[in-house]
Amino acid sequence: MRVLSGIQPSGNLHIGNYFGAIQQYLALQQEHECFFFVANYHALTTIKNADELHLLTADCVRDYLALGLDPERATIFLQSDLPEVTELAWILSTVTPMGLLQRCHAYKEKLAEGLPAEHGLFAYPVLMAADILIFDSDLVPVGQDQKQHVEVARDIAQRFNSTFGDVLRLPEPHILSETAVVPGTDGRKMSKSYGNTVGIFDDDDAVRAAVMRIKTDSKGIDEPKDPDACNLFALFRLFADAPERTEMGERYRKGGIGYKEMKDHLIDLIISYFADAKTRQQELQTQAAHIRKVLDDGIIRARQVARKTLDRIRSAVGLP
């Protein structure tokens, strides 16, 4: 099956990004035809500085390659290198009801955060639908809270098909697993907007400082603790193997382990887990030509697929 996912160049990936999405991208690319793009058009709704966007886009490609996205198994490209997607967005906008866009929760949430009510933010779901539909995507990996994006793409595709015939394939959401909700250092969902993250590519001191900020209760070393109600243990569970999770869970319940010991152990696990990725990231910082070739090869493959879909759509609506 064909899988499509866009990655916003938001900078400083954290472990919530990894276990919430990236780890599952790595699995999907082993079994499916995957298209992963850096959504730098979408980023224009929030990033208004050219140098910043350029830097974040380059960092995004490098970091995902370092974490294991494989250009031999997946097509990796920049959204801005695919003009076909913006052409399709305009065509789709001619059949998209205003009411559908007004109901999108992402628009309402962004307004609540204080972002200006600009057309790009309002029409964001149409561009996202174009991203998905132009590749005849079967599956779109999303968190449960992002499922509406795929539903909107389906609604737009159905509206288009009812107007012009059976032209567009209807995608299905591929809901990411429960590990998609990774607790941050304050117990809320890990998010840069909350300032509660542990960075994947942070240096060891920064990782230690972040882990040491993880909130715990006031129970002492000898007091029994509930591992299922502990944010620290929830993060530990992501990195530890099954025997170690069982052992630590028993020590929690019986008493005899303190939060300081758990934090020290978690720090070691995080640093070890991402050590190879950090090394690859450092190597890729000096391999600009290689990264450019990955993107050049990726856009060639992406355009071959996108062009066929767009030609079919142009014919259906009456464009030469």
C-alpha atoms as a PDB file:
ATOM      1  CA  MET A   1       0.000   0.000   0.000  1.00  0.00           C
ATOM      2  CA  ARG A   2       1.024   3.596  -0.512  1.00  0.00           C
ATOM      3  CA  VAL A   3       1.726   5.632   2.643  1.00  0.00           C
ATOM      4  CA  LEU A   4       1.985   9.435   2.750  1.00  0.00           C
ATOM      5  CA  SER A   5       3.119  11.623   5.631  1.00  0.00           C
ATOM      6  CA  GLY A   6       4.221  15.230   5.857  1.00  0.00           C
ATOM      7  CA  ILE A   7       6.768  16.388   8.401  1.00  0.00           C
ATOM      8  CA  GLN A   8       6.761  20.021   9.530  1.00  0.00           C
ATOM      9  CA  PRO A   9      10.221  21.599   9.892  1.00  0.00           C
ATOM     10  CA  SER A  10       9.692  22.705  13.471  1.00  0.00           C
ATOM     11  CA  GLY A  11      13.211  22.085  14.797  1.00  0.00           C
ATOM     12  CA  ASN A  12      14.678  20.263  17.797  1.00  0.00           C
ATOM     13  CA  LEU A  13      13.018  16.858  17.584  1.00  0.00           C
ATOM     14  CA  HIS A  14      12.162  15.318  20.947  1.00  0.00           C
ATOM     15  CA  ILE A  15      11.473  11.802  22.161  1.00  0.00           C
ATOM     16  CA  GLY A  16       7.738  12.387  21.893  1.00  0.00           C
ATOM     17  CA  ASN A  17       8.217  12.918  18.133  1.00  0.00           C
ATOM     18  CA  TYR A  18      10.200   9.711  17.910  1.00  0.00           C
ATOM     19  CA  PHE A  19       7.900   7.330  19.777  1.00  0.00           C
ATOM     20  CA  GLY A  20       4.781   9.132  18.635  1.00  0.00           C
ATOM     21  CA  ALA A  21       5.523   8.980  14.916  1.00  0.00           C
ATOM     22  CA  ILE A  22       9.080   8.474  13.645  1.00  0.00           C
ATOM     23  CA  GLN A  23       9.508   4.967  15.048  1.00  0.00           C
ATOM     24  CA  GLN A  24       6.372   3.909  13.202  1.00  0.00           C
ATOM     25  CA  TYR A  25       7.510   5.575   9.971  1.00  0.00           C
ATOM     26  CA  LEU A  26      10.613   3.385  10.163  1.00  0.00           C
ATOM     27  CA  ALA A  27       8.424   0.288  10.411  1.00  0.00           C
ATOM     28  CA  LEU A  28       6.075   1.390   7.623  1.00  0.00           C
ATOM     29  CA  GLN A  29       8.925   1.963   5.172  1.00  0.00           C
ATOM     30  CA  GLN A  30       9.909  -1.691   5.545  1.00  0.00           C
ATOM     31  CA  GLU A  31       6.555  -2.955   4.281  1.00  0.00           C
ATOM     32  CA  HIS A  32       4.903  -0.250   2.164  1.00  0.00           C
ATOM     33  CA  GLU A  33       5.557   2.275  -0.587  1.00  0.00           C
ATOM     34  CA  CYS A  34       6.197   5.380   1.501  1.00  0.00           C
ATOM     35  CA  PHE A  35       6.333   9.061   0.590  1.00  0.00           C
ATOM     36  CA  PHE A  36       7.672  11.361   3.313  1.00  0.00           C
ATOM     37  CA  PHE A  37       7.858  15.083   2.612  1.00  0.00           C
ATOM     38  CA  VAL A  38       9.037  18.126   4.535  1.00  0.00           C
ATOM     39  CA  ALA A  39       5.959  20.362   4.738  1.00  0.00           C
ATOM     40  CA  ASN A  40       7.653  23.722   4.269  1.00  0.00           C
ATOM     41  CA  TYR A  41       4.631  25.269   2.517  1.00  0.00           C
ATOM     42  CA  HIS A  42       2.574  24.474   5.613  1.00  0.00           C
ATOM     43  CA  ALA A  43       5.292  25.968   7.804  1.00  0.00           C
ATOM     44  CA  LEU A  44       4.722  29.377   6.193  1.00  0.00           C
ATOM     45  CA  THR A  45       1.595  29.773   8.332  1.00  0.00           C
ATOM     46  CA  THR A  46       3.804  30.138  11.410  1.00  0.00           C
ATOM     47  CA  ILE A  47       7.379  30.847  10.254  1.00  0.00           C
ATOM     48  CA  LYS A  48       7.788  34.310   8.734  1.00  0.00           C
ATOM     49  CA  ASN A  49      11.586  34.480   8.518  1.00  0.00           C
ATOM     50  CA  ALA A  50      13.280  33.171   5.353  1.00  0.00           C
ATOM     51  CA  ASP A  51      16.592  32.280   7.016  1.00  0.00           C
ATOM     52  CA  GLU A  52      14.814  30.444   9.829  1.00  0.00           C
ATOM     53  CA  LEU A  53      12.671  28.400   7.445  1.00  0.00           C
ATOM     54  CA  HIS A  54      15.674  27.510   5.295  1.00  0.00           C
ATOM     55  CA  LEU A  55      17.631  26.366   8.339  1.00  0.00           C
ATOM     56  CA  LEU A  56      14.762  24.395   9.864  1.00  0.00           C
ATOM     57  CA  THR A  57      14.036  22.672   6.553  1.00  0.00           C
ATOM     58  CA  ALA A  58      17.658  21.541   6.209  1.00  0.00           C
ATOM     59  CA  ASP A  59      17.719  20.391   9.834  1.00  0.00           C
ATOM     60  CA  CYS A  60      14.502  18.420   9.352  1.00  0.00           C
ATOM     61  CA  VAL A  61      15.847  16.431   6.405  1.00  0.00           C
ATOM     62  CA  ARG A  62      19.143  15.732   8.153  1.00  0.00           C
ATOM     63  CA  ASP A  63      17.561  14.718  11.442  1.00  0.00           C
ATOM     64  CA  TYR A  64      15.080  12.301   9.887  1.00  0.00           C
ATOM     65  CA  LEU A  65      17.798  10.692   7.803  1.00  0.00           C
ATOM     66  CA  ALA A  66      19.899  10.337  10.943  1.00  0.00           C
ATOM     67  CA  LEU A  67      17.015   8.607  12.712  1.00  0.00           C
ATOM     68  CA  GLY A  68      16.613   6.054   9.947  1.00  0.00           C
ATOM     69  CA  LEU A  69      14.368   7.263   7.138  1.00  0.00           C
ATOM     70  CA  ASP A  70      15.919   5.387   4.224  1.00  0.00           C
ATOM     71  CA  PRO A  71      15.922   6.961   0.740  1.00  0.00           C
ATOM     72  CA  GLU A  72      16.403   3.461  -0.675  1.00  0.00           C
ATOM     73  CA  ARG A  73      13.071   2.384   0.830  1.00  0.00           C
ATOM     74  CA  ALA A  74      11.066   5.633   0.958  1.00  0.00           C
ATOM     75  CA  THR A  75      10.663   8.680  -1.258  1.00  0.00           C
ATOM     76  CA  ILE A  76      11.842  11.769   0.637  1.00  0.00           C
ATOM     77  CA  PHE A  77      11.290  15.237  -0.811  1.00  0.00           C
ATOM     78  CA  LEU A  78      10.468  18.870  -0.103  1.00  0.00           C
ATOM     79  CA  GLN A  79       6.856  19.977  -0.498  1.00  0.00           C
ATOM     80  CA  SER A  80       8.046  23.203  -2.146  1.00  0.00           C
ATOM     81  CA  ASP A  81       9.775  21.178  -4.891  1.00  0.00           C
ATOM     82  CA  LEU A  82       6.385  19.804  -6.034  1.00  0.00           C
ATOM     83  CA  PRO A  83       4.386  22.594  -7.769  1.00  0.00           C
ATOM     84  CA  GLU A  84       1.737  20.028  -8.716  1.00  0.00           C
ATOM     85  CA  VAL A  85       0.474  20.007  -5.140  1.00  0.00           C
ATOM     86  CA  THR A  86      -0.338  23.726  -5.093  1.00  0.00           C
ATOM     87  CA  GLU A  87      -2.098  23.425  -8.455  1.00  0.00           C
ATOM     88  CA  LEU A  88      -4.213  20.610  -7.065  1.00  0.00           C
ATOM     89  CA  ALA A  89      -4.933  22.639  -3.922  1.00  0.00           C
ATOM     90  CA  TRP A  90      -6.517  25.349  -6.078  1.00  0.00           C
ATOM     91  CA  ILE A  91      -8.592  22.846  -8.040  1.00  0.00           C
ATOM     92  CA  LEU A  92      -9.798  21.224  -4.814  1.00  0.00           C
ATOM     93  CA  SER A  93     -10.629  24.625  -3.333  1.00  0.00           C
ATOM     94  CA  THR A  94     -13.248  25.112  -6.050  1.00  0.00           C
ATOM     95  CA  VAL A  95     -15.310  22.225  -4.633  1.00  0.00           C
ATOM     96  CA  THR A  96     -14.533  22.636  -0.917  1.00  0.00           C
ATOM     97  CA  PRO A  97     -17.472  23.998   1.131  1.00  0.00           C
ATOM     98  CA  MET A  98     -16.681  26.919   3.420  1.00  0.00           C
ATOM     99  CA  GLY A  99     -18.558  25.214   6.223  1.00  0.00           C
ATOM    100  CA  LEU A 100     -16.170  22.270   6.123  1.00  0.00           C
ATOM    101  CA  LEU A 101     -13.178  24.530   6.708  1.00  0.00           C
ATOM    102  CA  GLN A 102     -14.974  26.522   9.402  1.00  0.00           C
ATOM    103  CA  ARG A 103     -15.500  23.327  11.381  1.00  0.00           C
ATOM    104  CA  CYS A 104     -11.824  22.312  11.384  1.00  0.00           C
ATOM    105  CA  HIS A 105     -10.573  22.270  14.958  1.00  0.00           C
ATOM    106  CA  ALA A 106      -6.968  23.102  14.019  1.00  0.00           C
ATOM    107  CA  TYR A 107      -8.037  26.510  12.707  1.00  0.00           C
ATOM    108  CA  LYS A 108      -9.985  27.234  15.876  1.00  0.00           C
ATOM    109  CA  GLU A 109      -7.083  26.105  18.071  1.00  0.00           C
ATOM    110  CA  LYS A 110      -4.568  28.282  16.224  1.00  0.00           C
ATOM    111  CA  LEU A 111      -6.806  31.312  16.571  1.00  0.00           C
ATOM    112  CA  ALA A 112      -7.123  30.574  20.284  1.00  0.00           C
ATOM    113  CA  GLU A 113      -3.312  30.542  20.487  1.00  0.00           C
ATOM    114  CA  GLY A 114      -3.258  34.078  19.081  1.00  0.00           C
ATOM    115  CA  LEU A 115      -2.259  33.434  15.476  1.00  0.00           C
ATOM    116  CA  PRO A 116      -3.793  35.897  12.995  1.00  0.00           C
ATOM    117  CA  ALA A 117      -6.817  34.745  10.971  1.00  0.00           C
ATOM    118  CA  GLU A 118      -5.017  34.531   7.630  1.00  0.00           C
ATOM    119  CA  HIS A 119      -6.227  32.698   4.544  1.00  0.00           C
ATOM    120  CA  GLY A 120      -3.315  30.257   4.653  1.00  0.00           C
ATOM    121  CA  LEU A 121      -4.300  29.092   8.104  1.00  0.00           C
ATOM    122  CA  PHE A 122      -7.957  28.805   7.108  1.00  0.00           C
ATOM    123  CA  ALA A 123      -7.220  26.956   3.838  1.00  0.00           C
ATOM    124  CA  TYR A 124      -4.530  24.746   5.401  1.00  0.00           C
ATOM    125  CA  PRO A 125      -6.769  21.616   5.207  1.00  0.00           C
ATOM    126  CA  VAL A 126      -7.178  22.027   1.437  1.00  0.00           C
ATOM    127  CA  LEU A 127      -3.421  22.032   0.885  1.00  0.00           C
ATOM    128  CA  MET A 128      -3.164  19.041   3.205  1.00  0.00           C
ATOM    129  CA  ALA A 129      -5.841  17.255   1.183  1.00  0.00           C
ATOM    130  CA  ALA A 130      -3.849  17.982  -1.986  1.00  0.00           C
ATOM    131  CA  ASP A 131      -0.717  16.523  -0.360  1.00  0.00           C
ATOM    132  CA  ILE A 132      -2.593  13.312   0.344  1.00  0.00           C
ATOM    133  CA  LEU A 133      -4.746  12.957  -2.775  1.00  0.00           C
ATOM    134  CA  ILE A 134      -2.092  13.722  -5.356  1.00  0.00           C
ATOM    135  CA  PHE A 135      -0.305  10.475  -4.475  1.00  0.00           C
ATOM    136  CA  ASP A 136      -3.419   8.273  -4.510  1.00  0.00           C
ATOM    137  CA  SER A 137      -2.498   7.535  -0.906  1.00  0.00           C
ATOM    138  CA  ASP A 138      -3.961   4.484   0.794  1.00  0.00           C
ATOM    139  CA  LEU A 139      -2.805   5.214   4.335  1.00  0.00           C
ATOM    140  CA  VAL A 140      -1.967   8.449   6.148  1.00  0.00           C
ATOM    141  CA  PRO A 141      -0.268   7.989   9.544  1.00  0.00           C
ATOM    142  CA  VAL A 142      -1.792  10.383  12.094  1.00  0.00           C
ATOM    143  CA  GLY A 143      -2.384  10.627  15.802  1.00  0.00           C
ATOM    144  CA  GLN A 144      -5.926  10.267  17.064  1.00  0.00           C
ATOM    145  CA  ASP A 145      -6.094  14.051  17.505  1.00  0.00           C
ATOM    146  CA  GLN A 146      -5.162  14.560  13.821  1.00  0.00           C
ATOM    147  CA  LYS A 147      -7.662  12.125  12.364  1.00  0.00           C
ATOM    148  CA  GLN A 148      -9.862  15.015  11.240  1.00  0.00           C
ATOM    149  CA  HIS A 149      -7.239  16.034   8.670  1.00  0.00           C
ATOM    150  CA  VAL A 150      -7.698  12.756   6.804  1.00  0.00           C
ATOM    151  CA  GLU A 151     -11.467  12.930   7.196  1.00  0.00           C
ATOM    152  CA  VAL A 152     -11.438  16.382   5.587  1.00  0.00           C
ATOM    153  CA  ALA A 153      -9.326  15.044   2.693  1.00  0.00           C
ATOM    154  CA  ARG A 154     -11.877  12.259   2.228  1.00  0.00           C
ATOM    155  CA  ASP A 155     -14.763  14.738   2.330  1.00  0.00           C
ATOM    156  CA  ILE A 156     -13.118  16.923  -0.306  1.00  0.00           C
ATOM    157  CA  ALA A 157     -12.327  13.899  -2.487  1.00  0.00           C
ATOM    158  CA  GLN A 158     -15.914  12.690  -2.259  1.00  0.00           C
ATOM    159  CA  ARG A 159     -17.200  16.139  -3.175  1.00  0.00           C
ATOM    160  CA  PHE A 160     -14.826  16.207  -6.166  1.00  0.00           C
ATOM    161  CA  ASN A 161     -15.841  12.712  -7.268  1.00  0.00           C
ATOM    162  CA  SER A 162     -19.536  13.528  -7.031  1.00  0.00           C
ATOM    163  CA  THR A 163     -18.931  16.514  -9.308  1.00  0.00           C
ATOM    164  CA  PHE A 164     -16.444  15.144 -11.840  1.00  0.00           C
ATOM    165  CA  GLY A 165     -16.680  11.358 -11.613  1.00  0.00           C
ATOM    166  CA  ASP A 166     -14.721   8.656  -9.825  1.00  0.00           C
ATOM    167  CA  VAL A 167     -11.300  10.289 -10.086  1.00  0.00           C
ATOM    168  CA  LEU A 168      -9.754  10.480  -6.595  1.00  0.00           C
ATOM    169  CA  ARG A 169      -8.850   7.615  -4.289  1.00  0.00           C
ATOM    170  CA  LEU A 170     -10.194   7.930  -0.750  1.00  0.00           C
ATOM    171  CA  PRO A 171      -7.398   7.617   1.827  1.00  0.00           C
ATOM    172  CA  GLU A 172      -7.686   5.925   5.205  1.00  0.00           C
ATOM    173  CA  PRO A 173      -6.142   7.223   8.433  1.00  0.00           C
ATOM    174  CA  HIS A 174      -3.489   4.977   9.925  1.00  0.00           C
ATOM    175  CA  ILE A 175      -3.839   5.786  13.607  1.00  0.00           C
ATOM    176  CA  LEU A 176      -0.525   5.811  15.395  1.00  0.00           C
ATOM    177  CA  SER A 177      -0.260   3.622  18.479  1.00  0.00           C
ATOM    178  CA  GLU A 178      -0.932   4.586  22.073  1.00  0.00           C
ATOM    179  CA  THR A 179       2.735   5.457  22.502  1.00  0.00           C
ATOM    180  CA  ALA A 180       1.929   8.492  20.368  1.00  0.00           C
ATOM    181  CA  VAL A 181       1.037  10.255  23.628  1.00  0.00           C
ATOM    182  CA  VAL A 182       4.395  10.536  25.353  1.00  0.00           C
ATOM    183  CA  PRO A 183       4.384  12.413  28.671  1.00  0.00           C
ATOM    184  CA  GLY A 184       6.575  15.467  28.986  1.00  0.00           C
ATOM    185  CA  THR A 185       8.601  16.508  31.984  1.00  0.00           C
ATOM    186  CA  ASP A 186       5.513  18.155  33.519  1.00  0.00           C
ATOM    187  CA  GLY A 187       3.170  15.222  32.915  1.00  0.00           C
ATOM    188  CA  ARG A 188       1.322  16.768  29.980  1.00  0.00           C
ATOM    189  CA  LYS A 189       1.787  15.500  26.435  1.00  0.00           C
ATOM    190  CA  MET A 190       5.357  16.189  25.373  1.00  0.00           C
ATOM    191  CA  SER A 191       5.277  19.273  23.151  1.00  0.00           C
ATOM    192  CA  LYS A 192       7.597  22.139  22.312  1.00  0.00           C
ATOM    193  CA  SER A 193       4.724  24.527  22.927  1.00  0.00           C
ATOM    194  CA  TYR A 194       4.643  23.377  26.562  1.00  0.00           C
ATOM    195  CA  GLY A 195       8.414  23.562  27.013  1.00  0.00           C
ATOM    196  CA  ASN A 196       8.428  20.057  28.522  1.00  0.00           C
ATOM    197  CA  THR A 197      10.518  18.121  26.026  1.00  0.00           C
ATOM    198  CA  VAL A 198      13.625  15.934  26.108  1.00  0.00           C
ATOM    199  CA  GLY A 199      15.511  16.561  22.869  1.00  0.00           C
ATOM    200  CA  ILE A 200      16.759  13.645  20.793  1.00  0.00           C
ATOM    201  CA  PHE A 201      19.872  15.458  19.592  1.00  0.00           C
ATOM    202  CA  ASP A 202      20.544  17.471  22.757  1.00  0.00           C
ATOM    203  CA  ASP A 203      23.940  17.030  24.354  1.00  0.00           C
ATOM    204  CA  ASP A 204      24.251  14.824  27.428  1.00  0.00           C
ATOM    205  CA  ASP A 205      24.065  17.721  29.879  1.00  0.00           C
ATOM    206  CA  ALA A 206      20.844  19.009  28.324  1.00  0.00           C
ATOM    207  CA  VAL A 207      19.296  15.517  28.438  1.00  0.00           C
ATOM    208  CA  ARG A 208      20.242  15.208  32.101  1.00  0.00           C
ATOM    209  CA  ALA A 209      18.809  18.614  32.955  1.00  0.00           C
ATOM    210  CA  ALA A 210      15.526  17.809  31.187  1.00  0.00           C
ATOM    211  CA  VAL A 211      15.094  14.418  32.862  1.00  0.00           C
ATOM    212  CA  MET A 212      15.860  15.885  36.261  1.00  0.00           C
ATOM    213  CA  ARG A 213      12.904  18.252  35.759  1.00  0.00           C
ATOM    214  CA  ILE A 214      10.423  15.376  35.438  1.00  0.00           C
ATOM    215  CA  LYS A 215       7.736  15.869  38.067  1.00  0.00           C
ATOM    216  CA  THR A 216       7.190  13.099  40.602  1.00  0.00           C
ATOM    217  CA  ASP A 217       5.298  12.769  43.854  1.00  0.00           C
ATOM    218  CA  SER A 218       6.955  13.068  47.282  1.00  0.00           C
ATOM    219  CA  LYS A 219       7.207   9.353  48.121  1.00  0.00           C
ATOM    220  CA  GLY A 220      10.488   8.249  49.651  1.00  0.00           C
ATOM    221  CA  ILE A 221      12.803   5.460  48.571  1.00  0.00           C
ATOM    222  CA  ASP A 222      11.235   2.758  50.773  1.00  0.00           C
ATOM    223  CA  GLU A 223       7.608   3.614  50.004  1.00  0.00           C
ATOM    224  CA  PRO A 224       5.683   1.537  47.437  1.00  0.00           C
ATOM    225  CA  LYS A 225       4.871   3.367  44.219  1.00  0.00           C
ATOM    226  CA  ASP A 226       2.477   2.747  41.343  1.00  0.00           C
ATOM    227  CA  PRO A 227       4.441   2.446  38.068  1.00  0.00           C
ATOM    228  CA  ASP A 228       1.245   2.841  36.041  1.00  0.00           C
ATOM    229  CA  ALA A 229       0.613   6.280  37.558  1.00  0.00           C
ATOM    230  CA  CYS A 230       4.179   7.608  37.277  1.00  0.00           C
ATOM    231  CA  ASN A 231       5.263   9.807  34.352  1.00  0.00           C
ATOM    232  CA  LEU A 232       8.889   8.930  35.016  1.00  0.00           C
ATOM    233  CA  PHE A 233       8.143   5.232  34.697  1.00  0.00           C
ATOM    234  CA  ALA A 234       6.101   5.856  31.551  1.00  0.00           C
ATOM    235  CA  LEU A 235       9.188   7.339  29.889  1.00  0.00           C
ATOM    236  CA  PHE A 236      11.430   4.591  31.277  1.00  0.00           C
ATOM    237  CA  ARG A 237       9.084   1.979  29.771  1.00  0.00           C
ATOM    238  CA  LEU A 238       9.775   3.334  26.277  1.00  0.00           C
ATOM    239  CA  PHE A 239      13.511   2.652  26.497  1.00  0.00           C
ATOM    240  CA  ALA A 240      13.850  -0.401  28.731  1.00  0.00           C
ATOM    241  CA  ASP A 241      13.531  -3.984  27.532  1.00  0.00           C
ATOM    242  CA  ALA A 242      10.821  -6.302  28.873  1.00  0.00           C
ATOM    243  CA  PRO A 243      12.854  -7.960  31.682  1.00  0.00           C
ATOM    244  CA  GLU A 244      14.031  -4.585  32.967  1.00  0.00           C
ATOM    245  CA  ARG A 245      10.514  -3.161  32.871  1.00  0.00           C
ATOM    246  CA  THR A 246       9.299  -6.117  34.915  1.00  0.00           C
ATOM    247  CA  GLU A 247      12.123  -5.831  37.441  1.00  0.00           C
ATOM    248  CA  MET A 248      11.706  -2.099  37.936  1.00  0.00           C
ATOM    249  CA  GLY A 249       7.947  -2.444  38.143  1.00  0.00           C
ATOM    250  CA  GLU A 250       8.351  -4.920  41.013  1.00  0.00           C
ATOM    251  CA  ARG A 251      10.795  -2.640  42.806  1.00  0.00           C
ATOM    252  CA  TYR A 252       8.324   0.218  42.434  1.00  0.00           C
ATOM    253  CA  ARG A 253       5.501  -1.767  43.980  1.00  0.00           C
ATOM    254  CA  LYS A 254       7.565  -3.192  46.839  1.00  0.00           C
ATOM    255  CA  GLY A 255       9.493  -0.023  47.599  1.00  0.00           C
ATOM    256  CA  GLY A 256      13.263   0.283  47.638  1.00  0.00           C
ATOM    257  CA  ILE A 257      13.918   2.534  44.673  1.00  0.00           C
ATOM    258  CA  GLY A 258      13.952   6.322  44.629  1.00  0.00           C
ATOM    259  CA  TYR A 259      13.121   8.717  41.871  1.00  0.00           C
ATOM    260  CA  LYS A 260      16.712   9.973  41.695  1.00  0.00           C
ATOM    261  CA  GLU A 261      17.954   6.463  40.891  1.00  0.00           C
ATOM    262  CA  MET A 262      15.245   6.078  38.245  1.00  0.00           C
ATOM    263  CA  LYS A 263      16.109   9.415  36.662  1.00  0.00           C
ATOM    264  CA  ASP A 264      19.810   8.563  36.520  1.00  0.00           C
ATOM    265  CA  HIS A 265      19.001   5.247  34.879  1.00  0.00           C
ATOM    266  CA  LEU A 266      16.607   6.864  32.383  1.00  0.00           C
ATOM    267  CA  ILE A 267      19.276   9.405  31.421  1.00  0.00           C
ATOM    268  CA  ASP A 268      21.697   6.586  30.604  1.00  0.00           C
ATOM    269  CA  LEU A 269      19.055   4.761  28.567  1.00  0.00           C
ATOM    270  CA  ILE A 270      18.132   7.835  26.513  1.00  0.00           C
ATOM    271  CA  ILE A 271      21.747   8.747  25.770  1.00  0.00           C
ATOM    272  CA  SER A 272      22.560   5.169  24.745  1.00  0.00           C
ATOM    273  CA  TYR A 273      19.389   4.740  22.661  1.00  0.00           C
ATOM    274  CA  PHE A 274      20.073   7.743  20.432  1.00  0.00           C
ATOM    275  CA  ALA A 275      23.888   7.564  20.386  1.00  0.00           C
ATOM    276  CA  ASP A 276      24.104   6.148  16.856  1.00  0.00           C
ATOM    277  CA  ALA A 277      21.565   8.663  15.525  1.00  0.00           C
ATOM    278  CA  LYS A 278      23.564  11.529  17.040  1.00  0.00           C
ATOM    279  CA  THR A 279      26.714  10.246  15.359  1.00  0.00           C
ATOM    280  CA  ARG A 280      24.926  10.010  12.003  1.00  0.00           C
ATOM    281  CA  GLN A 281      23.501  13.489  12.454  1.00  0.00           C
ATOM    282  CA  GLN A 282      26.970  14.931  13.034  1.00  0.00           C
ATOM    283  CA  GLU A 283      28.272  13.139   9.936  1.00  0.00           C
ATOM    284  CA  LEU A 284      25.377  14.447   7.836  1.00  0.00           C
ATOM    285  CA  GLN A 285      26.184  18.028   8.818  1.00  0.00           C
ATOM    286  CA  THR A 286      29.156  17.827   6.444  1.00  0.00           C
ATOM    287  CA  GLN A 287      27.297  15.958   3.675  1.00  0.00           C
ATOM    288  CA  ALA A 288      25.219  18.661   2.039  1.00  0.00           C
ATOM    289  CA  ALA A 289      25.777  17.149  -1.425  1.00  0.00           C
ATOM    290  CA  HIS A 290      24.453  13.782  -0.273  1.00  0.00           C
ATOM    291  CA  ILE A 291      21.343  15.344   1.261  1.00  0.00           C
ATOM    292  CA  ARG A 292      20.720  17.357  -1.908  1.00  0.00           C
ATOM    293  CA  LYS A 293      20.961  14.153  -3.961  1.00  0.00           C
ATOM    294  CA  VAL A 294      18.456  12.426  -1.660  1.00  0.00           C
ATOM    295  CA  LEU A 295      16.001  15.271  -2.236  1.00  0.00           C
ATOM    296  CA  ASP A 296      16.687  15.462  -5.983  1.00  0.00           C
ATOM    297  CA  ASP A 297      16.137  11.730  -6.396  1.00  0.00           C
ATOM    298  CA  GLY A 298      13.066  11.900  -4.187  1.00  0.00           C
ATOM    299  CA  ILE A 299      11.352  14.682  -6.115  1.00  0.00           C
ATOM    300  CA  ILE A 300      11.899  12.856  -9.402  1.00  0.00           C
ATOM    301  CA  ARG A 301      10.042   9.822  -8.047  1.00  0.00           C
ATOM    302  CA  ALA A 302       7.406  11.987  -6.358  1.00  0.00           C
ATOM    303  CA  ARG A 303       6.673  13.977  -9.536  1.00  0.00           C
ATOM    304  CA  GLN A 304       6.305  10.823 -11.598  1.00  0.00           C
ATOM    305  CA  VAL A 305       3.415   9.762  -9.377  1.00  0.00           C
ATOM    306  CA  ALA A 306       1.965  13.233  -8.778  1.00  0.00           C
ATOM    307  CA  ARG A 307       2.015  14.169 -12.461  1.00  0.00           C
ATOM    308  CA  LYS A 308      -0.061  11.129 -13.439  1.00  0.00           C
ATOM    309  CA  THR A 309      -2.665  11.970 -10.815  1.00  0.00           C
ATOM    310  CA  LEU A 310      -2.784  15.650 -11.729  1.00  0.00           C
ATOM    311  CA  ASP A 311      -3.105  14.880 -15.449  1.00  0.00           C
ATOM    312  CA  ARG A 312      -6.087  12.658 -14.645  1.00  0.00           C
ATOM    313  CA  ILE A 313      -7.636  15.426 -12.545  1.00  0.00           C
ATOM    314  CA  ARG A 314      -7.018  18.154 -15.137  1.00  0.00           C
ATOM    315  CA  SER A 315      -8.702  16.016 -17.764  1.00  0.00           C
ATOM    316  CA  ALA A 316     -11.672  15.395 -15.493  1.00  0.00           C
ATOM    317  CA  VAL A 317     -12.270  19.122 -14.851  1.00  0.00           C
ATOM    318  CA  GLY A 318     -11.653  20.187 -18.455  1.00  0.00           C
ATOM    319  CA  LEU A 319      -8.185  21.735 -18.285  1.00  0.00           C
ATOM    320  CA  PRO A 320      -5.904  21.197 -21.326  1.00  0.00           C
END
